[in-house]
Amino acid sequence: MPFIVEASTSDPAAREGHAKGNLADYEICPTRPKACEQTHRYHRSGYWVEVYDQDSGELLSGPINPDQPLPSYIV
């Protein structure tokens, strides 16, 4: 199952509707380990992070606050 890892400049939960103006970057990751690595990279860079199932669009993890410790389990 491929994953989409999104990096945002502000809390994605605070955005209204489907506005993506705060989206800074995203990466399509073919495996769980790659999705976890990318999540770590974005988090270390100070971004809010969300991880989605690419096929269903389901939110699997996040939003992950850059000011908080990274969860031990991401996906």
PDB file of N, CA and C in Angstrom:
ATOM      1  N   MET A   1       0.851  -1.175   0.000  1.00  0.00           N
ATOM      2  CA  MET A   1       0.000   0.000   0.000  1.00  0.00           C
ATOM      3  C   MET A   1       0.897   1.238   0.000  1.00  0.00           C
ATOM      4  N   PRO A   2       0.757   2.109  -0.978  1.00  0.00           N
ATOM      5  CA  PRO A   2       1.530   3.361  -0.978  1.00  0.00           C
ATOM      6  C   PRO A   2       0.919   4.390  -0.024  1.00  0.00           C
ATOM      7  N   PHE A   3       1.781   5.261   0.461  1.00  0.00           N
ATOM      8  CA  PHE A   3       1.384   6.296   1.411  1.00  0.00           C
ATOM      9  C   PHE A   3       1.711   7.665   0.842  1.00  0.00           C
ATOM     10  N   ILE A   4       0.941   8.662   1.247  1.00  0.00           N
ATOM     11  CA  ILE A   4       1.256  10.052   0.939  1.00  0.00           C
ATOM     12  C   ILE A   4       1.593  10.722   2.262  1.00  0.00           C
ATOM     13  N   VAL A   5       2.773  11.301   2.347  1.00  0.00           N
ATOM     14  CA  VAL A   5       3.203  12.018   3.542  1.00  0.00           C
ATOM     15  C   VAL A   5       3.187  13.499   3.187  1.00  0.00           C
ATOM     16  N   GLU A   6       2.382  14.276   3.913  1.00  0.00           N
ATOM     17  CA  GLU A   6       2.243  15.709   3.645  1.00  0.00           C
ATOM     18  C   GLU A   6       2.895  16.528   4.750  1.00  0.00           C
ATOM     19  N   ALA A   7       3.583  17.594   4.343  1.00  0.00           N
ATOM     20  CA  ALA A   7       4.199  18.541   5.276  1.00  0.00           C
ATOM     21  C   ALA A   7       3.476  19.871   5.144  1.00  0.00           C
ATOM     22  N   SER A   8       3.011  20.409   6.264  1.00  0.00           N
ATOM     23  CA  SER A   8       2.271  21.671   6.269  1.00  0.00           C
ATOM     24  C   SER A   8       2.958  22.689   7.163  1.00  0.00           C
ATOM     25  N   THR A   9       2.773  23.959   6.831  1.00  0.00           N
ATOM     26  CA  THR A   9       3.388  25.035   7.604  1.00  0.00           C
ATOM     27  C   THR A   9       2.563  25.442   8.813  1.00  0.00           C
ATOM     28  N   SER A  10       1.318  24.987   8.886  1.00  0.00           N
ATOM     29  CA  SER A  10       0.464  25.281  10.036  1.00  0.00           C
ATOM     30  C   SER A  10      -0.410  24.064  10.316  1.00  0.00           C
ATOM     31  N   ASP A  11      -1.117  24.092  11.414  1.00  0.00           N
ATOM     32  CA  ASP A  11      -1.942  22.965  11.842  1.00  0.00           C
ATOM     33  C   ASP A  11      -2.994  22.646  10.778  1.00  0.00           C
ATOM     34  N   PRO A  12      -2.916  21.485  10.134  1.00  0.00           N
ATOM     35  CA  PRO A  12      -3.901  21.131   9.109  1.00  0.00           C
ATOM     36  C   PRO A  12      -5.319  21.042   9.660  1.00  0.00           C
ATOM     37  N   ALA A  13      -5.468  20.737  10.937  1.00  0.00           N
ATOM     38  CA  ALA A  13      -6.799  20.643  11.535  1.00  0.00           C
ATOM     39  C   ALA A  13      -7.476  22.008  11.611  1.00  0.00           C
ATOM     40  N   ALA A  14      -6.701  23.074  11.560  1.00  0.00           N
ATOM     41  CA  ALA A  14      -7.254  24.422  11.665  1.00  0.00           C
ATOM     42  C   ALA A  14      -7.685  24.988  10.315  1.00  0.00           C
ATOM     43  N   ARG A  15      -7.336  24.326   9.222  1.00  0.00           N
ATOM     44  CA  ARG A  15      -7.715  24.854   7.905  1.00  0.00           C
ATOM     45  C   ARG A  15      -9.200  24.626   7.666  1.00  0.00           C
ATOM     46  N   GLU A  16      -9.766  25.465   6.826  1.00  0.00           N
ATOM     47  CA  GLU A  16     -11.195  25.380   6.551  1.00  0.00           C
ATOM     48  C   GLU A  16     -11.426  24.692   5.217  1.00  0.00           C
ATOM     49  N   GLY A  17     -12.390  23.797   5.183  1.00  0.00           N
ATOM     50  CA  GLY A  17     -12.725  23.099   3.947  1.00  0.00           C
ATOM     51  C   GLY A  17     -11.558  22.283   3.425  1.00  0.00           C
ATOM     52  N   HIS A  18     -11.350  22.360   2.130  1.00  0.00           N
ATOM     53  CA  HIS A  18     -10.274  21.599   1.503  1.00  0.00           C
ATOM     54  C   HIS A  18      -9.110  22.495   1.123  1.00  0.00           C
ATOM     55  N   ALA A  19      -8.981  23.639   1.768  1.00  0.00           N
ATOM     56  CA  ALA A  19      -7.885  24.563   1.467  1.00  0.00           C
ATOM     57  C   ALA A  19      -6.554  23.891   1.754  1.00  0.00           C
ATOM     58  N   LYS A  20      -5.647  23.960   0.810  1.00  0.00           N
ATOM     59  CA  LYS A  20      -4.326  23.354   0.978  1.00  0.00           C
ATOM     60  C   LYS A  20      -3.244  24.426   0.922  1.00  0.00           C
ATOM     61  N   GLY A  21      -3.577  25.666   1.221  1.00  0.00           N
ATOM     62  CA  GLY A  21      -2.616  26.753   1.148  1.00  0.00           C
ATOM     63  C   GLY A  21      -1.444  26.602   2.092  1.00  0.00           C
ATOM     64  N   ASN A  22      -1.597  25.772   3.108  1.00  0.00           N
ATOM     65  CA  ASN A  22      -0.508  25.589   4.066  1.00  0.00           C
ATOM     66  C   ASN A  22       0.376  24.391   3.710  1.00  0.00           C
ATOM     67  N   LEU A  23       0.075  23.687   2.625  1.00  0.00           N
ATOM     68  CA  LEU A  23       0.864  22.520   2.218  1.00  0.00           C
ATOM     69  C   LEU A  23       2.203  22.981   1.656  1.00  0.00           C
ATOM     70  N   ALA A  24       3.290  22.555   2.307  1.00  0.00           N
ATOM     71  CA  ALA A  24       4.635  22.956   1.892  1.00  0.00           C
ATOM     72  C   ALA A  24       5.260  21.932   0.954  1.00  0.00           C
ATOM     73  N   ASP A  25       4.965  20.655   1.181  1.00  0.00           N
ATOM     74  CA  ASP A  25       5.575  19.593   0.382  1.00  0.00           C
ATOM     75  C   ASP A  25       4.830  18.294   0.654  1.00  0.00           C
ATOM     76  N   TYR A  26       5.020  17.328  -0.225  1.00  0.00           N
ATOM     77  CA  TYR A  26       4.475  15.995   0.009  1.00  0.00           C
ATOM     78  C   TYR A  26       5.359  14.983  -0.692  1.00  0.00           C
ATOM     79  N   GLU A  27       5.258  13.750  -0.264  1.00  0.00           N
ATOM     80  CA  GLU A  27       6.048  12.666  -0.853  1.00  0.00           C
ATOM     81  C   GLU A  27       5.170  11.427  -0.928  1.00  0.00           C
ATOM     82  N   ILE A  28       5.198  10.741  -2.066  1.00  0.00           N
ATOM     83  CA  ILE A  28       4.517   9.459  -2.199  1.00  0.00           C
ATOM     84  C   ILE A  28       5.536   8.383  -1.859  1.00  0.00           C
ATOM     85  N   CYS A  29       5.216   7.584  -0.861  1.00  0.00           N
ATOM     86  CA  CYS A  29       6.147   6.566  -0.351  1.00  0.00           C
ATOM     87  C   CYS A  29       5.546   5.182  -0.595  1.00  0.00           C
ATOM     88  N   PRO A  30       6.279   4.289  -1.251  1.00  0.00           N
ATOM     89  CA  PRO A  30       5.734   2.978  -1.597  1.00  0.00           C
ATOM     90  C   PRO A  30       5.639   1.989  -0.432  1.00  0.00           C
ATOM     91  N   THR A  31       6.356   2.244   0.658  1.00  0.00           N
ATOM     92  CA  THR A  31       6.369   1.294   1.782  1.00  0.00           C
ATOM     93  C   THR A  31       6.234   2.022   3.114  1.00  0.00           C
ATOM     94  N   ARG A  32       5.873   1.274   4.152  1.00  0.00           N
ATOM     95  CA  ARG A  32       5.788   1.838   5.507  1.00  0.00           C
ATOM     96  C   ARG A  32       7.119   2.414   5.974  1.00  0.00           C
ATOM     97  N   PRO A  33       8.238   1.682   5.819  1.00  0.00           N
ATOM     98  CA  PRO A  33       9.516   2.251   6.275  1.00  0.00           C
ATOM     99  C   PRO A  33       9.856   3.579   5.594  1.00  0.00           C
ATOM    100  N   LYS A  34       9.572   3.686   4.292  1.00  0.00           N
ATOM    101  CA  LYS A  34       9.844   4.943   3.579  1.00  0.00           C
ATOM    102  C   LYS A  34       8.933   6.055   4.095  1.00  0.00           C
ATOM    103  N   ALA A  35       7.666   5.729   4.374  1.00  0.00           N
ATOM    104  CA  ALA A  35       6.735   6.725   4.908  1.00  0.00           C
ATOM    105  C   ALA A  35       7.197   7.206   6.282  1.00  0.00           C
ATOM    106  N   CYS A  36       7.684   6.297   7.104  1.00  0.00           N
ATOM    107  CA  CYS A  36       8.186   6.671   8.434  1.00  0.00           C
ATOM    108  C   CYS A  36       9.431   7.546   8.320  1.00  0.00           C
ATOM    109  N   GLU A  37      10.339   7.197   7.410  1.00  0.00           N
ATOM    110  CA  GLU A  37      11.547   8.005   7.198  1.00  0.00           C
ATOM    111  C   GLU A  37      11.187   9.421   6.763  1.00  0.00           C
ATOM    112  N   GLN A  38      10.245   9.528   5.824  1.00  0.00           N
ATOM    113  CA  GLN A  38       9.854  10.852   5.330  1.00  0.00           C
ATOM    114  C   GLN A  38       9.157  11.646   6.426  1.00  0.00           C
ATOM    115  N   THR A  39       8.342  10.984   7.231  1.00  0.00           N
ATOM    116  CA  THR A  39       7.687  11.650   8.354  1.00  0.00           C
ATOM    117  C   THR A  39       8.730  12.217   9.306  1.00  0.00           C
ATOM    118  N   HIS A  40       9.761  11.448   9.608  1.00  0.00           N
ATOM    119  CA  HIS A  40      10.849  11.919  10.477  1.00  0.00           C
ATOM    120  C   HIS A  40      11.537  13.141   9.864  1.00  0.00           C
ATOM    121  N   ARG A  41      11.805  13.101   8.563  1.00  0.00           N
ATOM    122  CA  ARG A  41      12.477  14.233   7.896  1.00  0.00           C
ATOM    123  C   ARG A  41      11.645  15.513   7.989  1.00  0.00           C
ATOM    124  N   TYR A  42      10.367  15.400   7.654  1.00  0.00           N
ATOM    125  CA  TYR A  42       9.502  16.585   7.707  1.00  0.00           C
ATOM    126  C   TYR A  42       9.386  17.107   9.137  1.00  0.00           C
ATOM    127  N   HIS A  43       9.216  16.209  10.087  1.00  0.00           N
ATOM    128  CA  HIS A  43       9.067  16.606  11.490  1.00  0.00           C
ATOM    129  C   HIS A  43      10.322  17.327  11.977  1.00  0.00           C
ATOM    130  N   ARG A  44      11.508  16.788  11.665  1.00  0.00           N
ATOM    131  CA  ARG A  44      12.768  17.433  12.056  1.00  0.00           C
ATOM    132  C   ARG A  44      12.932  18.807  11.401  1.00  0.00           C
ATOM    133  N   SER A  45      12.311  18.987  10.237  1.00  0.00           N
ATOM    134  CA  SER A  45      12.393  20.270   9.529  1.00  0.00           C
ATOM    135  C   SER A  45      11.388  21.288  10.052  1.00  0.00           C
ATOM    136  N   GLY A  46      10.557  20.900  11.024  1.00  0.00           N
ATOM    137  CA  GLY A  46       9.625  21.831  11.648  1.00  0.00           C
ATOM    138  C   GLY A  46       8.252  21.907  11.010  1.00  0.00           C
ATOM    139  N   TYR A  47       7.871  20.901  10.242  1.00  0.00           N
ATOM    140  CA  TYR A  47       6.557  20.890   9.598  1.00  0.00           C
ATOM    141  C   TYR A  47       5.553  20.064  10.387  1.00  0.00           C
ATOM    142  N   TRP A  48       4.284  20.435  10.247  1.00  0.00           N
ATOM    143  CA  TRP A  48       3.189  19.577  10.681  1.00  0.00           C
ATOM    144  C   TRP A  48       3.136  18.443   9.668  1.00  0.00           C
ATOM    145  N   VAL A  49       2.877  17.208  10.105  1.00  0.00           N
ATOM    146  CA  VAL A  49       2.917  16.066   9.191  1.00  0.00           C
ATOM    147  C   VAL A  49       1.635  15.243   9.299  1.00  0.00           C
ATOM    148  N   GLU A  50       1.152  14.816   8.128  1.00  0.00           N
ATOM    149  CA  GLU A  50       0.024  13.892   8.048  1.00  0.00           C
ATOM    150  C   GLU A  50       0.399  12.773   7.085  1.00  0.00           C
ATOM    151  N   VAL A  51      -0.070  11.553   7.380  1.00  0.00           N
ATOM    152  CA  VAL A  51       0.191  10.403   6.519  1.00  0.00           C
ATOM    153  C   VAL A  51      -1.153   9.825   6.077  1.00  0.00           C
ATOM    154  N   TYR A  52      -1.306   9.667   4.753  1.00  0.00           N
ATOM    155  CA  TYR A  52      -2.538   9.154   4.164  1.00  0.00           C
ATOM    156  C   TYR A  52      -2.282   7.860   3.406  1.00  0.00           C
ATOM    157  N   ASP A  53      -3.302   7.016   3.334  1.00  0.00           N
ATOM    158  CA  ASP A  53      -3.298   5.867   2.430  1.00  0.00           C
ATOM    159  C   ASP A  53      -3.548   6.442   1.035  1.00  0.00           C
ATOM    160  N   GLN A  54      -2.648   6.202   0.098  1.00  0.00           N
ATOM    161  CA  GLN A  54      -2.800   6.795  -1.230  1.00  0.00           C
ATOM    162  C   GLN A  54      -4.034   6.265  -1.951  1.00  0.00           C
ATOM    163  N   ASP A  55      -4.366   4.994  -1.756  1.00  0.00           N
ATOM    164  CA  ASP A  55      -5.491   4.399  -2.474  1.00  0.00           C
ATOM    165  C   ASP A  55      -6.844   4.892  -1.976  1.00  0.00           C
ATOM    166  N   SER A  56      -7.021   4.944  -0.660  1.00  0.00           N
ATOM    167  CA  SER A  56      -8.328   5.312  -0.101  1.00  0.00           C
ATOM    168  C   SER A  56      -8.422   6.780   0.305  1.00  0.00           C
ATOM    169  N   GLY A  57      -7.268   7.437   0.500  1.00  0.00           N
ATOM    170  CA  GLY A  57      -7.269   8.818   0.979  1.00  0.00           C
ATOM    171  C   GLY A  57      -7.468   8.925   2.481  1.00  0.00           C
ATOM    172  N   GLU A  58      -7.543   7.790   3.164  1.00  0.00           N
ATOM    173  CA  GLU A  58      -7.765   7.780   4.611  1.00  0.00           C
ATOM    174  C   GLU A  58      -6.555   8.341   5.360  1.00  0.00           C
ATOM    175  N   LEU A  59      -6.829   9.216   6.321  1.00  0.00           N
ATOM    176  CA  LEU A  59      -5.778   9.744   7.186  1.00  0.00           C
ATOM    177  C   LEU A  59      -5.365   8.641   8.154  1.00  0.00           C
ATOM    178  N   LEU A  60      -4.086   8.251   8.101  1.00  0.00           N
ATOM    179  CA  LEU A  60      -3.584   7.167   8.943  1.00  0.00           C
ATOM    180  C   LEU A  60      -2.843   7.671  10.170  1.00  0.00           C
ATOM    181  N   SER A  61      -2.231   8.842  10.049  1.00  0.00           N
ATOM    182  CA  SER A  61      -1.456   9.389  11.162  1.00  0.00           C
ATOM    183  C   SER A  61      -1.423  10.903  11.054  1.00  0.00           C
ATOM    184  N   GLY A  62      -1.600  11.557  12.206  1.00  0.00           N
ATOM    185  CA  GLY A  62      -1.494  13.005  12.222  1.00  0.00           C
ATOM    186  C   GLY A  62      -2.826  13.678  12.454  1.00  0.00           C
ATOM    187  N   PRO A  63      -2.788  14.980  12.468  1.00  0.00           N
ATOM    188  CA  PRO A  63      -1.615  15.820  12.257  1.00  0.00           C
ATOM    189  C   PRO A  63      -0.612  15.702  13.415  1.00  0.00           C
ATOM    190  N   ILE A  64       0.665  15.646  13.054  1.00  0.00           N
ATOM    191  CA  ILE A  64       1.751  15.538  14.022  1.00  0.00           C
ATOM    192  C   ILE A  64       2.362  16.921  14.197  1.00  0.00           C
ATOM    193  N   ASN A  65       2.288  17.435  15.412  1.00  0.00           N
ATOM    194  CA  ASN A  65       2.761  18.776  15.753  1.00  0.00           C
ATOM    195  C   ASN A  65       4.290  18.793  15.792  1.00  0.00           C
ATOM    196  N   PRO A  66       4.937  19.722  15.086  1.00  0.00           N
ATOM    197  CA  PRO A  66       6.400  19.772  15.097  1.00  0.00           C
ATOM    198  C   PRO A  66       6.982  20.191  16.444  1.00  0.00           C
ATOM    199  N   ASP A  67       6.169  20.779  17.309  1.00  0.00           N
ATOM    200  CA  ASP A  67       6.641  21.210  18.624  1.00  0.00           C
ATOM    201  C   ASP A  67       6.508  20.118  19.687  1.00  0.00           C
ATOM    202  N   GLN A  68       5.954  18.984  19.293  1.00  0.00           N
ATOM    203  CA  GLN A  68       5.778  17.856  20.209  1.00  0.00           C
ATOM    204  C   GLN A  68       6.681  16.706  19.769  1.00  0.00           C
ATOM    205  N   PRO A  69       6.983  15.774  20.678  1.00  0.00           N
ATOM    206  CA  PRO A  69       7.782  14.610  20.278  1.00  0.00           C
ATOM    207  C   PRO A  69       7.056  13.795  19.204  1.00  0.00           C
ATOM    208  N   LEU A  70       7.824  13.210  18.320  1.00  0.00           N
ATOM    209  CA  LEU A  70       7.261  12.359  17.277  1.00  0.00           C
ATOM    210  C   LEU A  70       6.702  11.092  17.916  1.00  0.00           C
ATOM    211  N   PRO A  71       5.498  10.664  17.539  1.00  0.00           N
ATOM    212  CA  PRO A  71       4.953   9.426  18.104  1.00  0.00           C
ATOM    213  C   PRO A  71       5.870   8.237  17.812  1.00  0.00           C
ATOM    214  N   SER A  72       5.876   7.260  18.691  1.00  0.00           N
ATOM    215  CA  SER A  72       6.732   6.085  18.489  1.00  0.00           C
ATOM    216  C   SER A  72       6.216   5.217  17.343  1.00  0.00           C
ATOM    217  N   TYR A  73       4.904   5.242  17.096  1.00  0.00           N
ATOM    218  CA  TYR A  73       4.331   4.493  15.974  1.00  0.00           C
ATOM    219  C   TYR A  73       3.677   5.482  15.033  1.00  0.00           C
ATOM    220  N   ILE A  74       4.054   5.441  13.765  1.00  0.00           N
ATOM    221  CA  ILE A  74       3.494   6.370  12.779  1.00  0.00           C
ATOM    222  C   ILE A  74       2.517   5.635  11.874  1.00  0.00           C
ATOM    223  N   VAL A  75       2.993   4.660  11.112  1.00  0.00           N
ATOM    224  CA  VAL A  75       2.132   3.808  10.270  1.00  0.00           C
ATOM    225  C   VAL A  75       2.689   2.407  10.262  1.00  0.00           C
TER     226      VAL A  75
END
